[in-house]
Structure formats: structure tokens, C-alpha cells
PDB file of N, CA and C in Angstrom:
ATOM      1  N   UNK A   1       0.826  -1.181   0.000  1.00  0.00           N
ATOM      2  CA  UNK A   1       0.000   0.000   0.000  1.00  0.00           C
ATOM      3  C   UNK A   1       0.876   1.253   0.000  1.00  0.00           C
ATOM      4  N   UNK A   2       1.986   1.192   0.714  1.00  0.00           N
ATOM      5  CA  UNK A   2       2.871   2.353   0.761  1.00  0.00           C
ATOM      6  C   UNK A   2       3.538   2.572  -0.590  1.00  0.00           C
ATOM      7  N   UNK A   3       4.032   1.494  -1.199  1.00  0.00           N
ATOM      8  CA  UNK A   3       4.706   1.623  -2.485  1.00  0.00           C
ATOM      9  C   UNK A   3       3.784   2.095  -3.586  1.00  0.00           C
ATOM     10  N   UNK A   4       2.579   1.530  -3.610  1.00  0.00           N
ATOM     11  CA  UNK A   4       1.636   1.914  -4.655  1.00  0.00           C
ATOM     12  C   UNK A   4       1.007   3.273  -4.375  1.00  0.00           C
ATOM     13  N   UNK A   5       0.634   3.525  -3.126  1.00  0.00           N
ATOM     14  CA  UNK A   5      -0.059   4.764  -2.803  1.00  0.00           C
ATOM     15  C   UNK A   5       0.858   5.967  -2.707  1.00  0.00           C
ATOM     16  N   UNK A   6       1.925   5.852  -1.949  1.00  0.00           N
ATOM     17  CA  UNK A   6       2.806   6.996  -1.725  1.00  0.00           C
ATOM     18  C   UNK A   6       3.982   7.044  -2.689  1.00  0.00           C
ATOM     19  N   UNK A   7       4.446   5.885  -3.115  1.00  0.00           N
ATOM     20  CA  UNK A   7       5.614   5.855  -3.979  1.00  0.00           C
ATOM     21  C   UNK A   7       5.303   5.876  -5.453  1.00  0.00           C
ATOM     22  N   UNK A   8       4.060   5.670  -5.815  1.00  0.00           N
ATOM     23  CA  UNK A   8       3.669   5.684  -7.218  1.00  0.00           C
ATOM     24  C   UNK A   8       4.206   4.487  -7.992  1.00  0.00           C
ATOM     25  N   UNK A   9       4.473   3.390  -7.323  1.00  0.00           N
ATOM     26  CA  UNK A   9       5.010   2.192  -7.989  1.00  0.00           C
ATOM     27  C   UNK A   9       3.868   1.283  -8.424  1.00  0.00           C
ATOM     28  N   UNK A  10       4.108   0.547  -9.487  1.00  0.00           N
ATOM     29  CA  UNK A  10       3.123  -0.452  -9.895  1.00  0.00           C
ATOM     30  C   UNK A  10       3.364  -1.730  -9.090  1.00  0.00           C
ATOM     31  N   UNK A  11       2.393  -2.599  -9.099  1.00  0.00           N
ATOM     32  CA  UNK A  11       2.508  -3.868  -8.372  1.00  0.00           C
ATOM     33  C   UNK A  11       3.646  -4.705  -8.948  1.00  0.00           C
ATOM     34  N   UNK A  12       3.820  -4.691 -10.257  1.00  0.00           N
ATOM     35  CA  UNK A  12       4.903  -5.448 -10.893  1.00  0.00           C
ATOM     36  C   UNK A  12       6.272  -4.937 -10.451  1.00  0.00           C
ATOM     37  N   UNK A  13       6.415  -3.625 -10.320  1.00  0.00           N
ATOM     38  CA  UNK A  13       7.684  -3.062  -9.846  1.00  0.00           C
ATOM     39  C   UNK A  13       7.981  -3.482  -8.413  1.00  0.00           C
ATOM     40  N   UNK A  14       6.960  -3.468  -7.587  1.00  0.00           N
ATOM     41  CA  UNK A  14       7.160  -3.853  -6.186  1.00  0.00           C
ATOM     42  C   UNK A  14       7.518  -5.331  -6.075  1.00  0.00           C
ATOM     43  N   UNK A  15       6.818  -6.185  -6.804  1.00  0.00           N
ATOM     44  CA  UNK A  15       7.108  -7.620  -6.744  1.00  0.00           C
ATOM     45  C   UNK A  15       8.429  -7.957  -7.418  1.00  0.00           C
ATOM     46  N   UNK A  16       8.870  -7.123  -8.355  1.00  0.00           N
ATOM     47  CA  UNK A  16      10.147  -7.346  -9.019  1.00  0.00           C
ATOM     48  C   UNK A  16      11.330  -7.210  -8.079  1.00  0.00           C
ATOM     49  N   UNK A  17      11.187  -6.411  -7.035  1.00  0.00           N
ATOM     50  CA  UNK A  17      12.263  -6.227  -6.072  1.00  0.00           C
ATOM     51  C   UNK A  17      12.208  -7.197  -4.909  1.00  0.00           C
ATOM     52  N   UNK A  18      11.194  -8.064  -4.875  1.00  0.00           N
ATOM     53  CA  UNK A  18      11.066  -9.035  -3.773  1.00  0.00           C
ATOM     54  C   UNK A  18      12.007 -10.202  -4.003  1.00  0.00           C
ATOM     55  N   UNK A  19      12.803 -10.568  -3.012  1.00  0.00           N
ATOM     56  CA  UNK A  19      13.766 -11.666  -3.183  1.00  0.00           C
ATOM     57  C   UNK A  19      13.099 -13.040  -3.047  1.00  0.00           C
ATOM     58  N   UNK A  20      12.432 -13.476  -4.107  1.00  0.00           N
ATOM     59  CA  UNK A  20      11.717 -14.758  -4.071  1.00  0.00           C
ATOM     60  C   UNK A  20      12.679 -15.928  -3.873  1.00  0.00           C
ATOM     61  N   UNK A  21      13.902 -15.851  -4.457  1.00  0.00           N
ATOM     62  CA  UNK A  21      14.852 -16.964  -4.296  1.00  0.00           C
ATOM     63  C   UNK A  21      15.227 -17.125  -2.826  1.00  0.00           C
ATOM     64  N   UNK A  22      15.434 -16.012  -2.132  1.00  0.00           N
ATOM     65  CA  UNK A  22      15.793 -16.074  -0.727  1.00  0.00           C
ATOM     66  C   UNK A  22      14.647 -16.630   0.105  1.00  0.00           C
ATOM     67  N   UNK A  23      13.416 -16.259  -0.227  1.00  0.00           N
ATOM     68  CA  UNK A  23      12.253 -16.795   0.481  1.00  0.00           C
ATOM     69  C   UNK A  23      12.165 -18.306   0.306  1.00  0.00           C
ATOM     70  N   UNK A  24      12.330 -18.779  -0.919  1.00  0.00           N
ATOM     71  CA  UNK A  24      12.282 -20.225  -1.182  1.00  0.00           C
ATOM     72  C   UNK A  24      13.408 -20.929  -0.436  1.00  0.00           C
ATOM     73  N   UNK A  25      14.588 -20.329  -0.433  1.00  0.00           N
ATOM     74  CA  UNK A  25      15.731 -20.907   0.267  1.00  0.00           C
ATOM     75  C   UNK A  25      15.458 -21.021   1.763  1.00  0.00           C
ATOM     76  N   UNK A  26      14.966 -19.972   2.373  1.00  0.00           N
ATOM     77  CA  UNK A  26      14.706 -19.993   3.813  1.00  0.00           C
ATOM     78  C   UNK A  26      13.580 -20.956   4.180  1.00  0.00           C
ATOM     79  N   UNK A  27      12.543 -21.001   3.372  1.00  0.00           N
ATOM     80  CA  UNK A  27      11.457 -21.952   3.633  1.00  0.00           C
ATOM     81  C   UNK A  27      11.969 -23.379   3.476  1.00  0.00           C
ATOM     82  N   UNK A  28      12.785 -23.631   2.461  1.00  0.00           N
ATOM     83  CA  UNK A  28      13.335 -24.968   2.253  1.00  0.00           C
ATOM     84  C   UNK A  28      14.254 -25.399   3.375  1.00  0.00           C
ATOM     85  N   UNK A  29      15.117 -24.499   3.836  1.00  0.00           N
ATOM     86  CA  UNK A  29      16.029 -24.843   4.941  1.00  0.00           C
ATOM     87  C   UNK A  29      15.241 -25.079   6.217  1.00  0.00           C
ATOM     88  N   UNK A  30      14.214 -24.281   6.456  1.00  0.00           N
ATOM     89  CA  UNK A  30      13.375 -24.482   7.637  1.00  0.00           C
ATOM     90  C   UNK A  30      12.691 -25.841   7.579  1.00  0.00           C
ATOM     91  N   UNK A  31      12.179 -26.203   6.422  1.00  0.00           N
ATOM     92  CA  UNK A  31      11.537 -27.506   6.248  1.00  0.00           C
ATOM     93  C   UNK A  31      12.543 -28.645   6.434  1.00  0.00           C
ATOM     94  N   UNK A  32      13.737 -28.483   5.851  1.00  0.00           N
ATOM     95  CA  UNK A  32      14.789 -29.490   5.996  1.00  0.00           C
ATOM     96  C   UNK A  32      15.132 -29.723   7.458  1.00  0.00           C
ATOM     97  N   UNK A  33      15.277 -28.646   8.239  1.00  0.00           N
ATOM     98  CA  UNK A  33      15.625 -28.824   9.636  1.00  0.00           C
ATOM     99  C   UNK A  33      14.462 -29.296  10.481  1.00  0.00           C
ATOM    100  N   UNK A  34      13.254 -29.057  10.046  1.00  0.00           N
ATOM    101  CA  UNK A  34      12.111 -29.666  10.723  1.00  0.00           C
ATOM    102  C   UNK A  34      12.156 -31.176  10.589  1.00  0.00           C
ATOM    103  N   UNK A  35      12.480 -31.634   9.388  1.00  0.00           N
ATOM    104  CA  UNK A  35      12.608 -33.074   9.159  1.00  0.00           C
ATOM    105  C   UNK A  35      13.811 -33.632   9.914  1.00  0.00           C
ATOM    106  N   UNK A  36      14.955 -32.917   9.864  1.00  0.00           N
ATOM    107  CA  UNK A  36      16.168 -33.393  10.542  1.00  0.00           C
ATOM    108  C   UNK A  36      15.963 -33.449  12.056  1.00  0.00           C
ATOM    109  N   UNK A  37      15.190 -32.553  12.595  1.00  0.00           N
ATOM    110  CA  UNK A  37      14.900 -32.575  14.029  1.00  0.00           C
ATOM    111  C   UNK A  37      14.034 -33.776  14.375  1.00  0.00           C
ATOM    112  N   UNK A  38      13.043 -34.034  13.544  1.00  0.00           N
ATOM    113  CA  UNK A  38      12.106 -35.115  13.806  1.00  0.00           C
ATOM    114  C   UNK A  38      12.763 -36.492  13.702  1.00  0.00           C
ATOM    115  N   UNK A  39      13.618 -36.691  12.692  1.00  0.00           N
ATOM    116  CA  UNK A  39      14.179 -38.023  12.508  1.00  0.00           C
ATOM    117  C   UNK A  39      15.487 -38.260  13.259  1.00  0.00           C
ATOM    118  N   UNK A  40      15.962 -37.254  14.024  1.00  0.00           N
ATOM    119  CA  UNK A  40      17.129 -37.461  14.876  1.00  0.00           C
ATOM    120  C   UNK A  40      18.470 -37.162  14.233  1.00  0.00           C
ATOM    121  N   UNK A  41      18.480 -36.622  13.030  1.00  0.00           N
ATOM    122  CA  UNK A  41      19.744 -36.326  12.354  1.00  0.00           C
ATOM    123  C   UNK A  41      20.548 -35.273  13.102  1.00  0.00           C
ATOM    124  N   UNK A  42      19.880 -34.245  13.610  1.00  0.00           N
ATOM    125  CA  UNK A  42      20.589 -33.207  14.359  1.00  0.00           C
ATOM    126  C   UNK A  42      21.271 -33.780  15.596  1.00  0.00           C
ATOM    127  N   UNK A  43      20.591 -34.681  16.276  1.00  0.00           N
ATOM    128  CA  UNK A  43      21.187 -35.307  17.456  1.00  0.00           C
ATOM    129  C   UNK A  43      22.452 -36.087  17.084  1.00  0.00           C
ATOM    130  N   UNK A  44      22.415 -36.770  15.966  1.00  0.00           N
ATOM    131  CA  UNK A  44      23.598 -37.537  15.540  1.00  0.00           C
ATOM    132  C   UNK A  44      24.765 -36.620  15.188  1.00  0.00           C
ATOM    133  N   UNK A  45      24.479 -35.509  14.512  1.00  0.00           N
ATOM    134  CA  UNK A  45      25.543 -34.558  14.162  1.00  0.00           C
ATOM    135  C   UNK A  45      26.152 -33.957  15.421  1.00  0.00           C
ATOM    136  N   UNK A  46      25.303 -33.564  16.369  1.00  0.00           N
ATOM    137  CA  UNK A  46      25.796 -32.985  17.611  1.00  0.00           C
ATOM    138  C   UNK A  46      26.586 -34.012  18.410  1.00  0.00           C
ATOM    139  N   UNK A  47      26.088 -35.236  18.502  1.00  0.00           N
ATOM    140  CA  UNK A  47      26.814 -36.286  19.232  1.00  0.00           C
ATOM    141  C   UNK A  47      28.162 -36.582  18.590  1.00  0.00           C
ATOM    142  N   UNK A  48      28.200 -36.620  17.262  1.00  0.00           N
ATOM    143  CA  UNK A  48      29.474 -36.849  16.569  1.00  0.00           C
ATOM    144  C   UNK A  48      30.449 -35.703  16.807  1.00  0.00           C
ATOM    145  N   UNK A  49      29.945 -34.483  16.801  1.00  0.00           N
ATOM    146  CA  UNK A  49      30.797 -33.327  17.083  1.00  0.00           C
ATOM    147  C   UNK A  49      31.303 -33.325  18.516  1.00  0.00           C
ATOM    148  N   UNK A  50      30.450 -33.727  19.442  1.00  0.00           N
ATOM    149  CA  UNK A  50      30.870 -33.799  20.844  1.00  0.00           C
ATOM    150  C   UNK A  50      31.969 -34.832  21.038  1.00  0.00           C
ATOM    151  N   UNK A  51      31.878 -35.934  20.304  1.00  0.00           N
ATOM    152  CA  UNK A  51      32.950 -36.931  20.380  1.00  0.00           C
ATOM    153  C   UNK A  51      34.253 -36.396  19.808  1.00  0.00           C
ATOM    154  N   UNK A  52      34.157 -35.582  18.756  1.00  0.00           N
ATOM    155  CA  UNK A  52      35.365 -35.019  18.149  1.00  0.00           C
ATOM    156  C   UNK A  52      36.089 -34.042  19.073  1.00  0.00           C
ATOM    157  N   UNK A  53      35.335 -33.178  19.756  1.00  0.00           N
ATOM    158  CA  UNK A  53      35.976 -32.172  20.611  1.00  0.00           C
ATOM    159  C   UNK A  53      36.323 -32.717  21.995  1.00  0.00           C
ATOM    160  N   UNK A  54      35.751 -33.835  22.369  1.00  0.00           N
ATOM    161  CA  UNK A  54      36.051 -34.525  23.628  1.00  0.00           C
ATOM    162  C   UNK A  54      36.007 -33.614  24.850  1.00  0.00           C
ATOM    163  N   UNK A  55      34.979 -32.782  24.938  1.00  0.00           N
ATOM    164  CA  UNK A  55      34.801 -31.950  26.107  1.00  0.00           C
ATOM    165  C   UNK A  55      35.598 -30.659  26.120  1.00  0.00           C
ATOM    166  N   UNK A  56      36.373 -30.398  25.101  1.00  0.00           N
ATOM    167  CA  UNK A  56      37.157 -29.153  25.055  1.00  0.00           C
ATOM    168  C   UNK A  56      36.315 -28.071  24.386  1.00  0.00           C
ATOM    169  N   UNK A  57      35.770 -27.200  25.217  1.00  0.00           N
ATOM    170  CA  UNK A  57      34.827 -26.185  24.754  1.00  0.00           C
ATOM    171  C   UNK A  57      35.490 -25.220  23.772  1.00  0.00           C
ATOM    172  N   UNK A  58      36.781 -24.987  23.907  1.00  0.00           N
ATOM    173  CA  UNK A  58      37.483 -24.055  23.017  1.00  0.00           C
ATOM    174  C   UNK A  58      37.517 -24.550  21.573  1.00  0.00           C
ATOM    175  N   UNK A  59      37.309 -25.842  21.358  1.00  0.00           N
ATOM    176  CA  UNK A  59      37.323 -26.388  19.999  1.00  0.00           C
ATOM    177  C   UNK A  59      35.960 -26.322  19.308  1.00  0.00           C
ATOM    178  N   UNK A  60      34.904 -26.038  20.052  1.00  0.00           N
ATOM    179  CA  UNK A  60      33.553 -26.002  19.475  1.00  0.00           C
ATOM    180  C   UNK A  60      33.436 -24.955  18.361  1.00  0.00           C
ATOM    181  N   UNK A  61      33.915 -23.702  18.551  1.00  0.00           N
ATOM    182  CA  UNK A  61      33.811 -22.736  17.441  1.00  0.00           C
ATOM    183  C   UNK A  61      34.576 -23.181  16.203  1.00  0.00           C
ATOM    184  N   UNK A  62      35.728 -23.815  16.387  1.00  0.00           N
ATOM    185  CA  UNK A  62      36.500 -24.293  15.234  1.00  0.00           C
ATOM    186  C   UNK A  62      35.770 -25.415  14.507  1.00  0.00           C
ATOM    187  N   UNK A  63      35.151 -26.295  15.264  1.00  0.00           N
ATOM    188  CA  UNK A  63      34.379 -27.372  14.648  1.00  0.00           C
ATOM    189  C   UNK A  63      33.214 -26.808  13.853  1.00  0.00           C
ATOM    190  N   UNK A  64      32.508 -25.836  14.424  1.00  0.00           N
ATOM    191  CA  UNK A  64      31.387 -25.224  13.720  1.00  0.00           C
ATOM    192  C   UNK A  64      31.852 -24.471  12.478  1.00  0.00           C
ATOM    193  N   UNK A  65      33.007 -23.810  12.579  1.00  0.00           N
ATOM    194  CA  UNK A  65      33.567 -23.116  11.417  1.00  0.00           C
ATOM    195  C   UNK A  65      33.867 -24.110  10.294  1.00  0.00           C
ATOM    196  N   UNK A  66      34.491 -25.222  10.634  1.00  0.00           N
ATOM    197  CA  UNK A  66      34.828 -26.218   9.615  1.00  0.00           C
ATOM    198  C   UNK A  66      33.581 -26.852   9.008  1.00  0.00           C
ATOM    199  N   UNK A  67      32.586 -27.124   9.826  1.00  0.00           N
ATOM    200  CA  UNK A  67      31.329 -27.674   9.301  1.00  0.00           C
ATOM    201  C   UNK A  67      30.641 -26.678   8.364  1.00  0.00           C
ATOM    202  N   UNK A  68      30.634 -25.411   8.732  1.00  0.00           N
ATOM    203  CA  UNK A  68      30.028 -24.385   7.884  1.00  0.00           C
ATOM    204  C   UNK A  68      30.802 -24.223   6.582  1.00  0.00           C
ATOM    205  N   UNK A  69      32.132 -24.265   6.669  1.00  0.00           N
ATOM    206  CA  UNK A  69      32.958 -24.181   5.461  1.00  0.00           C
ATOM    207  C   UNK A  69      32.680 -25.361   4.538  1.00  0.00           C
ATOM    208  N   UNK A  70      32.487 -26.535   5.112  1.00  0.00           N
ATOM    209  CA  UNK A  70      32.166 -27.717   4.305  1.00  0.00           C
ATOM    210  C   UNK A  70      30.823 -27.548   3.608  1.00  0.00           C
ATOM    211  N   UNK A  71      29.827 -27.074   4.354  1.00  0.00           N
ATOM    212  CA  UNK A  71      28.491 -26.880   3.773  1.00  0.00           C
ATOM    213  C   UNK A  71      28.554 -25.859   2.644  1.00  0.00           C
ATOM    214  N   UNK A  72      29.316 -24.782   2.841  1.00  0.00           N
ATOM    215  CA  UNK A  72      29.451 -23.765   1.796  1.00  0.00           C
ATOM    216  C   UNK A  72      30.232 -24.310   0.599  1.00  0.00           C
ATOM    217  N   UNK A  73      31.242 -25.148   0.849  1.00  0.00           N
ATOM    218  CA  UNK A  73      32.040 -25.712  -0.239  1.00  0.00           C
ATOM    219  C   UNK A  73      31.227 -26.693  -1.080  1.00  0.00           C
ATOM    220  N   UNK A  74      30.269 -27.358  -0.460  1.00  0.00           N
ATOM    221  CA  UNK A  74      29.428 -28.298  -1.192  1.00  0.00           C
ATOM    222  C   UNK A  74      28.559 -27.568  -2.202  1.00  0.00           C
ATOM    223  N   UNK A  75      28.269 -26.276  -1.931  1.00  0.00           N
ATOM    224  CA  UNK A  75      27.506 -25.526  -2.912  1.00  0.00           C
ATOM    225  C   UNK A  75      26.414 -24.652  -2.346  1.00  0.00           C
ATOM    226  N   UNK A  76      26.240 -24.667  -1.027  1.00  0.00           N
ATOM    227  CA  UNK A  76      25.200 -23.833  -0.444  1.00  0.00           C
ATOM    228  C   UNK A  76      25.638 -22.367  -0.449  1.00  0.00           C
ATOM    229  N   UNK A  77      24.706 -21.485  -0.624  1.00  0.00           N
ATOM    230  CA  UNK A  77      25.001 -20.064  -0.507  1.00  0.00           C
ATOM    231  C   UNK A  77      25.414 -19.756   0.925  1.00  0.00           C
ATOM    232  N   UNK A  78      26.097 -18.647   1.119  1.00  0.00           N
ATOM    233  CA  UNK A  78      26.557 -18.317   2.469  1.00  0.00           C
ATOM    234  C   UNK A  78      25.386 -18.156   3.427  1.00  0.00           C
ATOM    235  N   UNK A  79      24.300 -17.554   2.975  1.00  0.00           N
ATOM    236  CA  UNK A  79      23.123 -17.408   3.836  1.00  0.00           C
ATOM    237  C   UNK A  79      22.532 -18.775   4.177  1.00  0.00           C
ATOM    238  N   UNK A  80      22.547 -19.681   3.228  1.00  0.00           N
ATOM    239  CA  UNK A  80      22.028 -21.025   3.486  1.00  0.00           C
ATOM    240  C   UNK A  80      22.940 -21.788   4.432  1.00  0.00           C
ATOM    241  N   UNK A  81      24.254 -21.612   4.277  1.00  0.00           N
ATOM    242  CA  UNK A  81      25.194 -22.301   5.168  1.00  0.00           C
ATOM    243  C   UNK A  81      24.990 -21.853   6.606  1.00  0.00           C
ATOM    244  N   UNK A  82      24.784 -20.566   6.804  1.00  0.00           N
ATOM    245  CA  UNK A  82      24.529 -20.057   8.157  1.00  0.00           C
ATOM    246  C   UNK A  82      23.195 -20.576   8.663  1.00  0.00           C
ATOM    247  N   UNK A  83      22.178 -20.574   7.820  1.00  0.00           N
ATOM    248  CA  UNK A  83      20.866 -21.073   8.231  1.00  0.00           C
ATOM    249  C   UNK A  83      20.908 -22.558   8.542  1.00  0.00           C
ATOM    250  N   UNK A  84      21.738 -23.299   7.842  1.00  0.00           N
ATOM    251  CA  UNK A  84      21.864 -24.731   8.101  1.00  0.00           C
ATOM    252  C   UNK A  84      22.593 -24.979   9.411  1.00  0.00           C
ATOM    253  N   UNK A  85      23.623 -24.194   9.694  1.00  0.00           N
ATOM    254  CA  UNK A  85      24.453 -24.440  10.872  1.00  0.00           C
ATOM    255  C   UNK A  85      23.899 -23.828  12.154  1.00  0.00           C
ATOM    256  N   UNK A  86      23.025 -22.850  12.063  1.00  0.00           N
ATOM    257  CA  UNK A  86      22.512 -22.185  13.265  1.00  0.00           C
ATOM    258  C   UNK A  86      21.845 -23.149  14.243  1.00  0.00           C
ATOM    259  N   UNK A  87      20.951 -24.041  13.810  1.00  0.00           N
ATOM    260  CA  UNK A  87      20.355 -24.973  14.785  1.00  0.00           C
ATOM    261  C   UNK A  87      21.390 -25.914  15.396  1.00  0.00           C
ATOM    262  N   UNK A  88      22.376 -26.308  14.623  1.00  0.00           N
ATOM    263  CA  UNK A  88      23.419 -27.190  15.155  1.00  0.00           C
ATOM    264  C   UNK A  88      24.253 -26.442  16.191  1.00  0.00           C
ATOM    265  N   UNK A  89      24.578 -25.182  15.904  1.00  0.00           N
ATOM    266  CA  UNK A  89      25.345 -24.370  16.860  1.00  0.00           C
ATOM    267  C   UNK A  89      24.552 -24.169  18.151  1.00  0.00           C
ATOM    268  N   UNK A  90      23.260 -23.984  18.034  1.00  0.00           N
ATOM    269  CA  UNK A  90      22.435 -23.827  19.234  1.00  0.00           C
ATOM    270  C   UNK A  90      22.428 -25.103  20.072  1.00  0.00           C
ATOM    271  N   UNK A  91      22.447 -26.251  19.405  1.00  0.00           N
ATOM    272  CA  UNK A  91      22.513 -27.516  20.135  1.00  0.00           C
ATOM    273  C   UNK A  91      23.832 -27.651  20.882  1.00  0.00           C
ATOM    274  N   UNK A  92      24.937 -27.274  20.226  1.00  0.00           N
ATOM    275  CA  UNK A  92      26.235 -27.306  20.895  1.00  0.00           C
ATOM    276  C   UNK A  92      26.233 -26.380  22.102  1.00  0.00           C
ATOM    277  N   UNK A  93      25.664 -25.185  21.944  1.00  0.00           N
ATOM    278  CA  UNK A  93      25.604 -24.239  23.052  1.00  0.00           C
ATOM    279  C   UNK A  93      24.786 -24.805  24.208  1.00  0.00           C
ATOM    280  N   UNK A  94      23.724 -25.497  23.881  1.00  0.00           N
ATOM    281  CA  UNK A  94      22.892 -26.108  24.917  1.00  0.00           C
ATOM    282  C   UNK A  94      23.650 -27.230  25.618  1.00  0.00           C
ATOM    283  N   UNK A  95      24.364 -28.059  24.870  1.00  0.00           N
ATOM    284  CA  UNK A  95      25.102 -29.178  25.458  1.00  0.00           C
ATOM    285  C   UNK A  95      26.207 -28.708  26.401  1.00  0.00           C
ATOM    286  N   UNK A  96      26.908 -27.636  26.016  1.00  0.00           N
ATOM    287  CA  UNK A  96      28.037 -27.148  26.807  1.00  0.00           C
ATOM    288  C   UNK A  96      27.658 -26.001  27.733  1.00  0.00           C
ATOM    289  N   UNK A  97      26.366 -25.686  27.804  1.00  0.00           N
ATOM    290  CA  UNK A  97      25.873 -24.594  28.644  1.00  0.00           C
ATOM    291  C   UNK A  97      26.594 -23.276  28.332  1.00  0.00           C
ATOM    292  N   UNK A  98      26.782 -23.012  27.048  1.00  0.00           N
ATOM    293  CA  UNK A  98      27.376 -21.765  26.577  1.00  0.00           C
ATOM    294  C   UNK A  98      26.223 -20.795  26.351  1.00  0.00           C
ATOM    295  N   UNK A  99      26.396 -19.539  26.741  1.00  0.00           N
ATOM    296  CA  UNK A  99      25.359 -18.548  26.536  1.00  0.00           C
ATOM    297  C   UNK A  99      25.102 -18.373  25.041  1.00  0.00           C
ATOM    298  N   UNK A 100      23.850 -18.431  24.637  1.00  0.00           N
ATOM    299  CA  UNK A 100      23.511 -18.278  23.225  1.00  0.00           C
ATOM    300  C   UNK A 100      23.381 -16.824  22.823  1.00  0.00           C
ATOM    301  N   UNK A 101      23.474 -15.918  23.777  1.00  0.00           N
ATOM    302  CA  UNK A 101      23.355 -14.484  23.495  1.00  0.00           C
ATOM    303  C   UNK A 101      24.742 -13.886  23.358  1.00  0.00           C
ATOM    304  N   UNK A 102      24.940 -13.023  22.394  1.00  0.00           N
ATOM    305  CA  UNK A 102      26.247 -12.406  22.198  1.00  0.00           C
ATOM    306  C   UNK A 102      26.578 -11.397  23.282  1.00  0.00           C
ATOM    307  N   UNK A 103      25.549 -10.893  23.997  1.00  0.00           N
ATOM    308  CA  UNK A 103      25.807  -9.867  25.012  1.00  0.00           C
ATOM    309  C   UNK A 103      26.035 -10.460  26.392  1.00  0.00           C
ATOM    310  N   UNK A 104      26.070 -11.763  26.499  1.00  0.00           N
ATOM    311  CA  UNK A 104      26.394 -12.308  27.810  1.00  0.00           C
ATOM    312  C   UNK A 104      25.629 -13.528  28.070  1.00  0.00           C
TER     313      UNK A 104
END
């Protein structure tokens, strides 16, 4: 309403600037992680990562960095790689009781 009423834009112009690819990507990643959560894949990834770091919390960021780099190298866009790794990083934070907030 703002674009058409105040900006004098047509509906086609407004929809032309909408990032439909990003919307599809985010909906797809959300759906993928809904399935991965339900079938236990996330738990297996987190358990495997916990075995790799063997309780050394300082290695968790490096492990997550390497996993994200792998996901990006396979072909995912950087935004998709972050969206894919965010739930896994939250699981690691929960397992090690690391604050999930950047401010403390």
C-alpha cells in the first residue's frame, strides 16, 4: 500500500524487487531442519561433534567453522550455510551450557 499509494510504484515493480529466491531458500532450509529434528539427524551430528571435541569447549567454534565451510564448499550459498548451521550451533551451546546471546 505504501509503495503503490505513496511511492507511485506499480505492483509489478514492487514484486520485481522481492527476493523470491531467498524466500524459497529460507522456507526450504526451515523444512529441511524440521525433518532433521524429527528423525534425529541433528542429534547424531551434535553427538558426533561432541565426540570429536572430547569436552574441550574451546574447539567447538572451530568445529562449527569447519562444518560451515564444508556446507558452503558443497555448494550452499553463504546465507544457506549459516541457516543450516545455526540450529546445530544452538545444540552445541545447549550441550556445553554456553550462553547463546552475544551480550552475555
